[in-house]
Amino acid sequence: MSEDKVADYGATTNGEETLENQENEGDEEWELNKVLETIGVGPAQYIFWTISFLIAYSDYAELTLIAIIIPYLRCEWNLSKEFEATITISIFLIYAASALLCGKLSDMYGRRKVMSITTVILIIAGIGAATAYNKYMFLFWRGIAGACIGANFATVVVYSTEFSPNKYRTVGPLISILGSYVSMFAVNFIGYFALNSLGWRWLIIIITIPVVPAFILLIIMPESPRYLCVSGQSERALEAVKFMAKINRVELPENLKVFCHQGAELGSFKTVLGSEVHRKPALLLSAMYFANIFIETGILVFLPLAFISNFCGHKGTPPARNRCLPLSQDDLWKLSVSAIGSLVGCTVAYFVALSFGRLKPLRASNVIQIIVFTLMFICVNNLYLFGIASAVKIINAFVCMMIWLIVPESFPTMIRNTATGMINSSGKLGAVTGTAMVYLLFYASPFAVICCFIVVAAVSCGCSFAFDKETNDTLLTET
């Protein structure tokens, strides 16, 4: 063969190979992680994180609200001690059942679908509670709100996590936890200006407003592509990532296909609890979250009662149960400022986790939590109590943030929301127990309440040392 022909043949062959490579490049299947890394972080992720913030904000605002309006409900409807406890505890009981059920439903039918339904109902429940004409109607609507909140919080943490590329995956849980703690501050802060002037009904309306934009954004944005992949809906997963790419202005190959690992059984409690690999982390994380929400909610209920009764100034005598005494402006201000501690705690936890991992900071913060609680025995006055309670909130938020960073990384997509719902449900059972404990023991001995906090903190500490699964920003497993 002549050199010219060899050259022509080589050119033709290389040209055909180049053309063939270009055609195959568009036809190749990409792993979902590769697609998400290519899309990167942009407006799509900002929208998902906004949804996460608004839903977490609305959910915890509803929970925080009860603690500060109970004195006003007591005055308006002459509530008994038992009915007060029922209003607070029932919302957490319904929350716990709903979190368990809807975690499973989110793995079976999709995260977005469950949250879209529950956010609408939450708006209706907020309006219903604000316009309730007696204590029974108020209790009914608070129960409905509890069911919606239980469905939303755990689901939105997973939803925001599953859209992000690996490097930014922990931002979703951070935004959610920040939303919940911002709401604790905001409810008390808004209450400082509005509660004694506008009344508790308008406060409920104001707190419900952020749910509306969250619902609108949920309607616009797609389902989690990770969920769609493991549920065998690869075409819809491709549509979801293309929608995200369009918003982020990223070009994907025209004939791109997403390679999916389909799960055998979605949303199975048997898979979570029947396997040693998943059972141990699920039970230990549930126990830790139970303990820390017990503390978080217990402190939330404890502080208004402590401020009103001024038990620090009357050591040795049980505090009197004042039938109709609202919180003073000074007390509302202390509650607002103490909530900032939770914001500080979760933010510090996020950056500590990036540098030192999850396990060591989790254990260290549990030990510190016990130490800080013991300082609460030295109760000099309300100002001192406010300072110690703020420190408790910082440490407690730190622990909760670590737990929520660990949870999505510990379970595969096919059971992630089921496990998350189970852990979140245990937390609300902790809230029920913590609330009941404070109401039952406070008027007998506030220091008995503090003893209970220390015991529960010790349980959380023990579980943190038993938990030996270090997680990090590795790729989320699908099945």
Protein backbone atom coordinates (compact mmCIF):
# COMPACT_ATOMS: atom_id res chain seq x y z
CA MET A 1 0.00 0.00 0.00
CA SER A 2 1.44 3.44 -0.92
CA GLU A 3 2.23 6.01 1.75
CA ASP A 4 -0.55 8.29 0.43
CA LYS A 5 -3.11 5.51 0.70
CA VAL A 6 -1.86 4.60 4.16
CA ALA A 7 -2.24 8.25 5.18
CA ASP A 8 -5.74 8.43 3.67
CA TYR A 9 -6.71 5.17 5.37
CA GLY A 10 -5.38 6.40 8.72
CA ALA A 11 -7.19 9.71 8.40
CA THR A 12 -10.44 7.94 7.51
CA THR A 13 -10.09 5.49 10.36
CA ASN A 14 -9.29 8.19 12.91
CA GLY A 15 -12.17 10.27 11.63
CA GLU A 16 -14.60 7.37 11.92
CA GLU A 17 -13.35 6.59 15.43
CA THR A 18 -13.68 10.24 16.45
CA LEU A 19 -17.23 10.36 15.07
CA GLU A 20 -18.11 7.09 16.74
CA ASN A 21 -16.69 8.32 20.08
CA GLN A 22 -18.73 11.49 19.78
CA GLU A 23 -21.88 9.47 19.18
CA ASN A 24 -21.14 7.04 22.02
CA GLU A 25 -20.34 9.88 24.38
CA GLY A 26 -23.96 10.98 24.30
CA ASP A 27 -25.26 7.41 24.59
CA GLU A 28 -23.21 6.31 27.58
CA GLU A 29 -24.89 5.70 30.91
CA TRP A 30 -23.74 7.90 33.75
CA GLU A 31 -23.97 7.06 37.42
CA LEU A 32 -26.32 9.46 39.19
CA ASN A 33 -23.48 10.74 41.38
CA LYS A 34 -21.54 11.70 38.24
CA VAL A 35 -24.56 13.56 36.88
CA LEU A 36 -25.04 15.49 40.14
CA GLU A 37 -21.34 16.36 40.28
CA THR A 38 -21.55 17.64 36.67
CA ILE A 39 -24.61 19.77 37.46
CA GLY A 40 -22.80 21.17 40.50
CA VAL A 41 -24.25 23.75 42.89
CA GLY A 42 -26.39 26.56 41.56
CA PRO A 43 -29.92 28.02 41.65
CA ALA A 44 -31.53 24.54 41.73
CA GLN A 45 -29.76 23.62 44.97
CA TYR A 46 -30.51 27.07 46.42
CA ILE A 47 -34.22 26.42 45.83
CA PHE A 48 -34.06 22.97 47.45
CA TRP A 49 -32.22 24.42 50.43
CA THR A 50 -34.83 27.20 50.67
CA ILE A 51 -37.58 24.56 50.77
CA SER A 52 -35.63 22.74 53.45
CA PHE A 53 -35.22 25.91 55.52
CA LEU A 54 -38.86 27.02 55.23
CA ILE A 55 -40.34 23.63 56.10
CA ALA A 56 -37.97 23.07 59.04
CA TYR A 57 -38.65 26.65 60.17
CA SER A 58 -42.43 26.19 59.99
CA ASP A 59 -42.37 22.83 61.73
CA TYR A 60 -40.32 23.89 64.73
CA ALA A 61 -42.12 27.23 64.93
CA GLU A 62 -45.36 25.30 65.46
CA LEU A 63 -43.73 23.28 68.23
CA THR A 64 -42.07 26.29 69.93
CA LEU A 65 -45.29 28.28 69.76
CA ILE A 66 -47.11 26.11 72.29
CA ALA A 67 -44.55 26.72 75.04
CA ILE A 68 -45.09 30.49 75.06
CA ILE A 69 -48.86 30.68 74.38
CA ILE A 70 -49.89 28.14 77.04
CA PRO A 71 -50.10 30.85 79.76
CA TYR A 72 -52.45 32.85 77.50
CA LEU A 73 -54.62 29.82 76.69
CA ARG A 74 -54.79 29.09 80.43
CA CYS A 75 -56.17 32.57 81.06
CA GLU A 76 -58.64 32.57 78.14
CA TRP A 77 -60.12 29.08 78.62
CA ASN A 78 -59.30 28.43 82.29
CA LEU A 79 -57.29 25.32 81.40
CA SER A 80 -56.62 22.62 83.95
CA LYS A 81 -53.08 21.35 84.48
CA GLU A 82 -54.07 18.10 82.77
CA PHE A 83 -55.47 19.83 79.68
CA GLU A 84 -52.37 22.01 79.39
CA ALA A 85 -50.23 18.89 79.31
CA THR A 86 -52.63 17.26 76.82
CA ILE A 87 -52.28 20.13 74.35
CA THR A 88 -48.50 19.97 74.46
CA ILE A 89 -48.07 16.20 74.61
CA SER A 90 -50.70 15.25 72.02
CA ILE A 91 -48.96 17.16 69.24
CA PHE A 92 -45.73 15.26 69.93
CA LEU A 93 -47.47 11.88 70.12
CA ILE A 94 -49.18 12.45 66.79
CA TYR A 95 -45.90 13.80 65.40
CA ALA A 96 -44.11 10.58 66.43
CA ALA A 97 -46.70 8.31 64.80
CA SER A 98 -46.78 10.45 61.66
CA ALA A 99 -42.97 10.53 61.34
CA LEU A 100 -42.84 6.74 61.53
CA LEU A 101 -45.62 6.26 58.98
CA CYS A 102 -44.67 9.03 56.56
CA GLY A 103 -40.99 8.07 56.58
CA LYS A 104 -42.06 4.74 55.14
CA LEU A 105 -44.54 6.38 52.73
CA SER A 106 -41.81 8.74 51.48
CA ASP A 107 -39.64 5.73 50.60
CA MET A 108 -42.58 4.03 48.89
CA TYR A 109 -44.25 6.93 47.03
CA GLY A 110 -41.73 9.78 46.98
CA ARG A 111 -40.50 12.60 49.20
CA ARG A 112 -42.05 15.48 47.25
CA LYS A 113 -45.52 13.93 47.06
CA VAL A 114 -45.76 13.39 50.82
CA MET A 115 -44.48 16.89 51.66
CA SER A 116 -46.74 18.61 49.13
CA ILE A 117 -49.85 17.08 50.72
CA THR A 118 -48.80 17.73 54.31
CA THR A 119 -47.78 21.37 53.74
CA VAL A 120 -51.24 22.21 52.41
CA ILE A 121 -52.87 20.55 55.42
CA LEU A 122 -50.45 22.39 57.74
CA ILE A 123 -51.61 25.75 56.33
CA ILE A 124 -55.25 24.79 56.94
CA ALA A 125 -54.42 23.55 60.46
CA GLY A 126 -52.67 26.83 61.30
CA ILE A 127 -55.71 28.87 60.27
CA GLY A 128 -57.98 26.45 62.14
CA ALA A 129 -56.01 26.77 65.39
CA ALA A 130 -55.89 30.57 65.10
CA THR A 131 -59.68 30.76 64.74
CA ALA A 132 -60.56 28.02 67.26
CA TYR A 133 -63.50 29.10 69.42
CA ASN A 134 -62.85 26.66 72.28
CA LYS A 135 -60.08 24.51 73.73
CA TYR A 136 -61.33 21.31 72.04
CA MET A 137 -61.22 22.79 68.55
CA PHE A 138 -57.77 24.16 69.30
CA LEU A 139 -56.63 20.70 70.43
CA PHE A 140 -58.05 19.14 67.24
CA TRP A 141 -56.23 21.52 64.90
CA ARG A 142 -52.98 21.22 66.86
CA GLY A 143 -53.24 17.46 66.42
CA ILE A 144 -53.61 17.86 62.65
CA ALA A 145 -50.60 20.20 62.64
CA GLY A 146 -48.61 17.59 64.59
CA ALA A 147 -49.33 14.94 61.96
CA CYS A 148 -48.11 17.25 59.17
CA ILE A 149 -44.97 18.30 61.03
CA GLY A 150 -44.08 14.68 61.70
CA ALA A 151 -44.27 13.93 57.98
CA ASN A 152 -42.29 16.98 56.93
CA PHE A 153 -39.15 17.41 59.00
CA ALA A 154 -37.37 14.08 58.51
CA THR A 155 -38.44 13.94 54.87
CA VAL A 156 -37.15 17.39 53.99
CA VAL A 157 -33.70 16.64 55.46
CA VAL A 158 -33.40 13.62 53.18
CA TYR A 159 -34.94 15.46 50.20
CA SER A 160 -32.43 18.33 50.33
CA THR A 161 -29.52 15.93 50.87
CA GLU A 162 -30.30 13.76 47.84
CA PHE A 163 -30.13 16.62 45.33
CA SER A 164 -26.65 17.86 46.18
CA PRO A 165 -23.28 16.81 44.78
CA ASN A 166 -21.11 14.96 47.25
CA LYS A 167 -19.00 17.94 48.34
CA TYR A 168 -22.06 19.97 49.40
CA ARG A 169 -24.28 17.17 50.65
CA THR A 170 -24.00 18.16 54.32
CA VAL A 171 -25.38 21.63 53.54
CA GLY A 172 -28.93 20.21 53.36
CA PRO A 173 -29.01 18.96 56.98
CA LEU A 174 -27.31 22.18 58.13
CA ILE A 175 -29.95 24.36 56.44
CA SER A 176 -32.75 22.23 57.92
CA ILE A 177 -31.39 22.34 61.45
CA LEU A 178 -30.67 26.07 61.11
CA GLY A 179 -34.26 26.57 59.96
CA SER A 180 -35.56 24.78 63.04
CA TYR A 181 -33.40 26.79 65.44
CA VAL A 182 -34.02 30.10 63.66
CA SER A 183 -37.72 29.43 64.21
CA MET A 184 -37.16 28.95 67.94
CA PHE A 185 -35.54 32.36 68.08
CA ALA A 186 -38.05 33.96 65.71
CA VAL A 187 -41.15 32.72 67.55
CA ASN A 188 -39.86 34.09 70.84
CA PHE A 189 -38.64 37.29 69.16
CA ILE A 190 -41.92 37.86 67.32
CA GLY A 191 -43.73 36.99 70.53
CA TYR A 192 -41.75 39.69 72.32
CA PHE A 193 -43.28 42.31 70.00
CA ALA A 194 -46.64 40.76 69.14
CA LEU A 195 -47.87 38.41 71.85
CA ASN A 196 -48.87 40.97 74.46
CA SER A 197 -50.14 43.43 71.83
CA LEU A 198 -51.76 41.43 69.00
CA GLY A 199 -52.58 38.26 70.94
CA TRP A 200 -51.81 34.57 70.45
CA ARG A 201 -54.20 34.09 67.48
CA TRP A 202 -52.34 36.54 65.27
CA LEU A 203 -49.06 35.01 66.37
CA ILE A 204 -50.20 31.62 64.98
CA ILE A 205 -51.14 33.25 61.65
CA ILE A 206 -47.75 34.97 61.41
CA ILE A 207 -45.94 31.69 62.17
CA THR A 208 -47.94 29.81 59.51
CA ILE A 209 -47.09 32.21 56.63
CA PRO A 210 -43.70 30.64 55.64
CA VAL A 211 -45.44 27.35 54.79
CA VAL A 212 -47.06 28.99 51.74
CA PRO A 213 -43.87 29.71 49.71
CA ALA A 214 -42.54 26.26 50.71
CA PHE A 215 -45.61 24.64 49.13
CA ILE A 216 -45.29 26.73 45.94
CA LEU A 217 -41.62 25.75 45.54
CA LEU A 218 -42.44 22.08 46.12
CA ILE A 219 -44.95 22.21 43.26
CA ILE A 220 -42.32 23.70 40.94
CA MET A 221 -39.36 21.44 41.79
CA PRO A 222 -39.01 17.74 40.86
CA GLU A 223 -38.91 14.57 42.92
CA SER A 224 -35.60 13.37 44.37
CA PRO A 225 -33.62 11.71 41.52
CA ARG A 226 -32.07 9.26 43.98
CA TYR A 227 -35.51 8.08 45.07
CA LEU A 228 -36.65 7.83 41.43
CA CYS A 229 -33.57 5.76 40.60
CA VAL A 230 -33.96 3.15 43.33
CA SER A 231 -37.72 2.93 42.68
CA GLY A 232 -37.07 1.94 39.04
CA GLN A 233 -38.17 5.26 37.51
CA SER A 234 -34.98 5.99 35.57
CA GLU A 235 -36.76 8.09 32.93
CA ARG A 236 -38.25 10.38 35.56
CA ALA A 237 -34.86 10.54 37.30
CA LEU A 238 -33.35 11.71 34.00
CA GLU A 239 -36.08 14.35 33.65
CA ALA A 240 -35.36 15.55 37.21
CA VAL A 241 -31.61 15.98 36.66
CA LYS A 242 -32.19 17.66 33.27
CA PHE A 243 -34.57 20.10 34.97
CA MET A 244 -31.88 20.85 37.56
CA ALA A 245 -29.23 21.24 34.86
CA LYS A 246 -31.46 23.68 32.98
CA ILE A 247 -31.92 25.83 36.09
CA ASN A 248 -28.17 25.74 36.78
CA ARG A 249 -27.43 26.46 33.10
CA VAL A 250 -25.31 23.33 32.70
CA GLU A 251 -25.18 21.42 29.41
CA LEU A 252 -25.72 17.67 29.67
CA PRO A 253 -25.30 15.25 26.70
CA GLU A 254 -28.51 15.14 24.63
CA ASN A 255 -28.86 11.36 24.75
CA LEU A 256 -27.74 10.93 28.33
CA LYS A 257 -29.02 7.95 30.27
CA VAL A 258 -28.84 7.62 34.05
CA PHE A 259 -27.66 4.27 35.39
CA CYS A 260 -29.75 3.34 38.41
CA HIS A 261 -29.33 0.77 41.18
CA GLN A 262 -32.89 -0.36 41.76
CA GLY A 263 -33.80 -1.28 45.33
CA ALA A 264 -35.35 -4.67 46.08
CA GLU A 265 -37.83 -3.46 48.71
CA LEU A 266 -38.49 0.22 49.34
CA GLY A 267 -39.40 1.53 52.77
CA SER A 268 -38.99 -1.77 54.64
CA PHE A 269 -38.80 -1.75 58.43
CA LYS A 270 -37.63 -5.34 58.14
CA THR A 271 -34.58 -4.18 56.19
CA VAL A 272 -33.82 -1.50 58.79
CA LEU A 273 -34.24 -3.67 61.89
CA GLY A 274 -33.62 -7.15 60.46
CA SER A 275 -30.05 -6.49 59.40
CA GLU A 276 -27.21 -6.11 61.92
CA VAL A 277 -25.62 -3.56 59.59
CA HIS A 278 -28.61 -1.22 59.88
CA ARG A 279 -30.19 -2.26 63.19
CA LYS A 280 -27.39 -1.15 65.53
CA PRO A 281 -26.96 2.39 64.09
CA ALA A 282 -30.76 2.81 63.82
CA LEU A 283 -31.36 1.89 67.47
CA LEU A 284 -28.42 3.86 68.87
CA LEU A 285 -29.23 6.96 66.82
CA SER A 286 -32.89 6.63 67.90
CA ALA A 287 -31.86 6.46 71.56
CA MET A 288 -29.53 9.47 71.24
CA TYR A 289 -32.14 11.52 69.41
CA PHE A 290 -34.81 10.53 71.97
CA ALA A 291 -32.56 11.76 74.78
CA ASN A 292 -31.59 15.03 73.13
CA ILE A 293 -35.10 16.01 72.03
CA PHE A 294 -36.22 15.11 75.57
CA ILE A 295 -33.71 17.70 76.76
CA GLU A 296 -34.46 20.25 74.02
CA THR A 297 -38.23 20.18 74.56
CA GLY A 298 -37.95 19.85 78.32
CA ILE A 299 -35.84 23.02 78.50
CA LEU A 300 -38.31 24.75 76.16
CA VAL A 301 -41.16 24.05 78.59
CA PHE A 302 -39.04 24.44 81.75
CA LEU A 303 -37.79 27.98 81.12
CA PRO A 304 -41.15 29.83 80.91
CA LEU A 305 -42.33 28.03 84.07
CA ALA A 306 -39.06 28.84 85.85
CA PHE A 307 -39.17 32.51 84.85
CA ILE A 308 -42.82 32.98 85.88
CA SER A 309 -42.41 31.19 89.23
CA ASN A 310 -38.92 32.62 89.90
CA PHE A 311 -38.03 29.35 91.64
CA CYS A 312 -34.34 30.36 91.84
CA GLY A 313 -35.33 33.10 94.23
CA HIS A 314 -37.37 30.74 96.43
CA LYS A 315 -35.09 27.79 97.05
CA GLY A 316 -36.42 25.15 99.41
CA THR A 317 -40.08 25.91 98.69
CA PRO A 318 -42.01 24.47 95.72
CA PRO A 319 -43.00 27.14 93.19
CA ALA A 320 -46.62 28.25 93.22
CA ARG A 321 -48.67 27.46 90.13
CA ASN A 322 -49.92 30.85 89.04
CA ARG A 323 -53.28 30.37 87.34
CA CYS A 324 -53.21 33.40 85.09
CA LEU A 325 -49.90 35.19 84.81
CA PRO A 326 -48.50 35.84 81.30
CA LEU A 327 -44.81 36.11 80.55
CA SER A 328 -43.30 39.54 81.10
CA GLN A 329 -41.55 41.39 78.29
CA ASP A 330 -38.26 40.76 80.09
CA ASP A 331 -38.93 37.00 80.20
CA LEU A 332 -39.91 36.95 76.50
CA TRP A 333 -36.65 38.72 75.69
CA LYS A 334 -34.61 36.17 77.69
CA LEU A 335 -36.34 33.31 75.85
CA SER A 336 -35.56 34.96 72.50
CA VAL A 337 -31.88 35.48 73.26
CA SER A 338 -31.43 31.98 74.73
CA ALA A 339 -32.64 30.52 71.42
CA ILE A 340 -29.57 32.05 69.72
CA GLY A 341 -27.53 29.42 71.56
CA SER A 342 -29.12 26.72 69.40
CA LEU A 343 -28.11 28.56 66.22
CA VAL A 344 -24.54 28.85 67.46
CA GLY A 345 -24.41 25.17 68.45
CA CYS A 346 -25.55 23.71 65.14
CA THR A 347 -23.35 26.05 63.07
CA VAL A 348 -20.23 25.23 65.10
CA ALA A 349 -21.07 21.51 64.86
CA TYR A 350 -21.19 21.69 61.07
CA PHE A 351 -17.71 23.16 60.73
CA VAL A 352 -16.26 20.92 63.44
CA ALA A 353 -17.65 17.88 61.60
CA LEU A 354 -15.95 18.96 58.37
CA SER A 355 -12.58 19.09 60.12
CA PHE A 356 -12.75 16.34 62.75
CA GLY A 357 -15.42 13.92 61.55
CA ARG A 358 -18.61 13.05 63.41
CA LEU A 359 -17.82 10.50 66.10
CA LYS A 360 -15.29 12.24 68.38
CA PRO A 361 -17.15 15.59 68.49
CA LEU A 362 -20.41 13.71 69.14
CA ARG A 363 -18.93 11.94 72.15
CA ALA A 364 -17.16 15.03 73.51
CA SER A 365 -20.31 17.20 73.28
CA ASN A 366 -22.35 14.57 75.14
CA VAL A 367 -19.87 14.62 78.02
CA ILE A 368 -19.91 18.44 78.13
CA GLN A 369 -23.72 18.42 78.16
CA ILE A 370 -23.73 16.46 81.42
CA ILE A 371 -21.25 18.88 83.00
CA VAL A 372 -23.26 21.97 81.99
CA PHE A 373 -26.48 20.51 83.41
CA THR A 374 -24.88 20.02 86.81
CA LEU A 375 -24.21 23.78 86.92
CA MET A 376 -27.98 24.35 86.78
CA PHE A 377 -28.20 23.23 90.43
CA ILE A 378 -26.42 26.44 91.45
CA CYS A 379 -29.50 28.49 90.67
CA VAL A 380 -28.91 32.05 91.91
CA ASN A 381 -31.51 34.00 89.93
CA ASN A 382 -33.32 34.08 86.58
CA LEU A 383 -30.37 35.75 84.88
CA TYR A 384 -28.02 32.95 85.93
CA LEU A 385 -30.60 30.36 84.85
CA PHE A 386 -30.87 32.12 81.49
CA GLY A 387 -27.07 31.89 81.02
CA ILE A 388 -26.87 28.17 81.88
CA ALA A 389 -29.94 27.37 79.74
CA SER A 390 -28.29 29.17 76.80
CA ALA A 391 -25.16 27.02 77.27
CA VAL A 392 -27.32 23.88 77.39
CA LYS A 393 -28.99 24.91 74.13
CA ILE A 394 -25.60 25.40 72.44
CA ILE A 395 -24.39 21.91 73.42
CA ASN A 396 -27.75 20.25 72.75
CA ALA A 397 -27.94 21.79 69.26
CA PHE A 398 -24.35 20.65 68.63
CA VAL A 399 -25.29 17.04 69.47
CA CYS A 400 -28.49 17.14 67.37
CA MET A 401 -26.59 18.56 64.39
CA MET A 402 -24.05 15.74 64.59
CA ILE A 403 -26.86 13.18 64.69
CA TRP A 404 -28.49 14.67 61.59
CA LEU A 405 -25.19 14.66 59.71
CA ILE A 406 -24.72 10.98 60.56
CA VAL A 407 -28.27 9.78 59.78
CA PRO A 408 -28.40 10.23 55.95
CA GLU A 409 -24.88 8.79 55.63
CA SER A 410 -25.72 5.63 57.60
CA PHE A 411 -28.53 4.21 55.45
CA PRO A 412 -29.04 3.51 51.72
CA THR A 413 -31.60 5.42 49.64
CA MET A 414 -34.08 2.53 49.53
CA ILE A 415 -34.61 2.74 53.34
CA ARG A 416 -33.13 6.15 54.15
CA ASN A 417 -36.43 7.90 54.83
CA THR A 418 -37.83 4.89 56.70
CA ALA A 419 -34.83 4.90 59.05
CA THR A 420 -34.89 8.70 59.30
CA GLY A 421 -38.61 8.66 60.12
CA MET A 422 -38.00 6.04 62.80
CA ILE A 423 -35.22 8.13 64.39
CA ASN A 424 -37.29 11.33 64.13
CA SER A 425 -40.26 9.52 65.67
CA SER A 426 -38.14 8.46 68.64
CA GLY A 427 -37.17 12.11 69.08
CA LYS A 428 -40.79 13.17 69.36
CA LEU A 429 -41.44 10.43 71.88
CA GLY A 430 -38.57 12.06 73.75
CA ALA A 431 -40.41 15.37 73.42
CA VAL A 432 -43.56 13.81 74.89
CA THR A 433 -41.63 12.30 77.79
CA GLY A 434 -39.65 15.48 78.43
CA THR A 435 -42.75 17.66 78.40
CA ALA A 436 -44.69 15.30 80.66
CA MET A 437 -41.74 15.07 83.06
CA VAL A 438 -41.49 18.85 83.41
CA TYR A 439 -45.24 19.30 83.99
CA LEU A 440 -45.37 16.45 86.51
CA LEU A 441 -42.28 17.32 88.55
CA PHE A 442 -41.75 21.07 88.26
CA TYR A 443 -44.27 22.20 90.88
CA ALA A 444 -43.09 19.47 93.26
CA SER A 445 -39.36 20.14 92.81
CA PRO A 446 -37.67 21.95 89.91
CA PHE A 447 -34.39 20.33 90.95
CA ALA A 448 -35.91 16.89 90.36
CA VAL A 449 -36.46 18.08 86.76
CA ILE A 450 -32.77 18.99 86.49
CA CYS A 451 -31.81 15.52 87.83
CA CYS A 452 -33.89 13.93 85.08
CA PHE A 453 -32.10 16.06 82.47
CA ILE A 454 -28.73 14.82 83.76
CA VAL A 455 -29.79 11.15 83.70
CA VAL A 456 -31.08 11.43 80.13
CA ALA A 457 -27.93 13.26 79.03
CA ALA A 458 -25.90 10.38 80.50
CA VAL A 459 -27.94 7.88 78.44
CA SER A 460 -27.18 9.87 75.28
CA CYS A 461 -23.51 9.93 76.22
CA GLY A 462 -23.44 6.15 76.69
CA CYS A 463 -25.05 5.58 73.30
CA SER A 464 -22.54 7.88 71.60
CA PHE A 465 -19.67 5.73 72.90
CA ALA A 466 -21.47 2.54 71.80
CA PHE A 467 -21.95 3.98 68.30
CA ASP A 468 -18.78 3.04 66.39
CA LYS A 469 -19.70 3.78 62.76
CA GLU A 470 -17.69 6.80 61.61
CA THR A 471 -19.37 8.45 58.60
CA ASN A 472 -18.15 11.21 56.32
CA ASP A 473 -18.78 12.85 52.97
CA THR A 474 -18.47 9.62 50.99
CA LEU A 475 -21.00 8.89 48.24
CA LEU A 476 -24.50 8.09 49.42
CA THR A 477 -25.28 4.41 48.90
CA GLU A 478 -28.42 3.62 46.91
CA THR A 479 -29.33 0.03 47.83
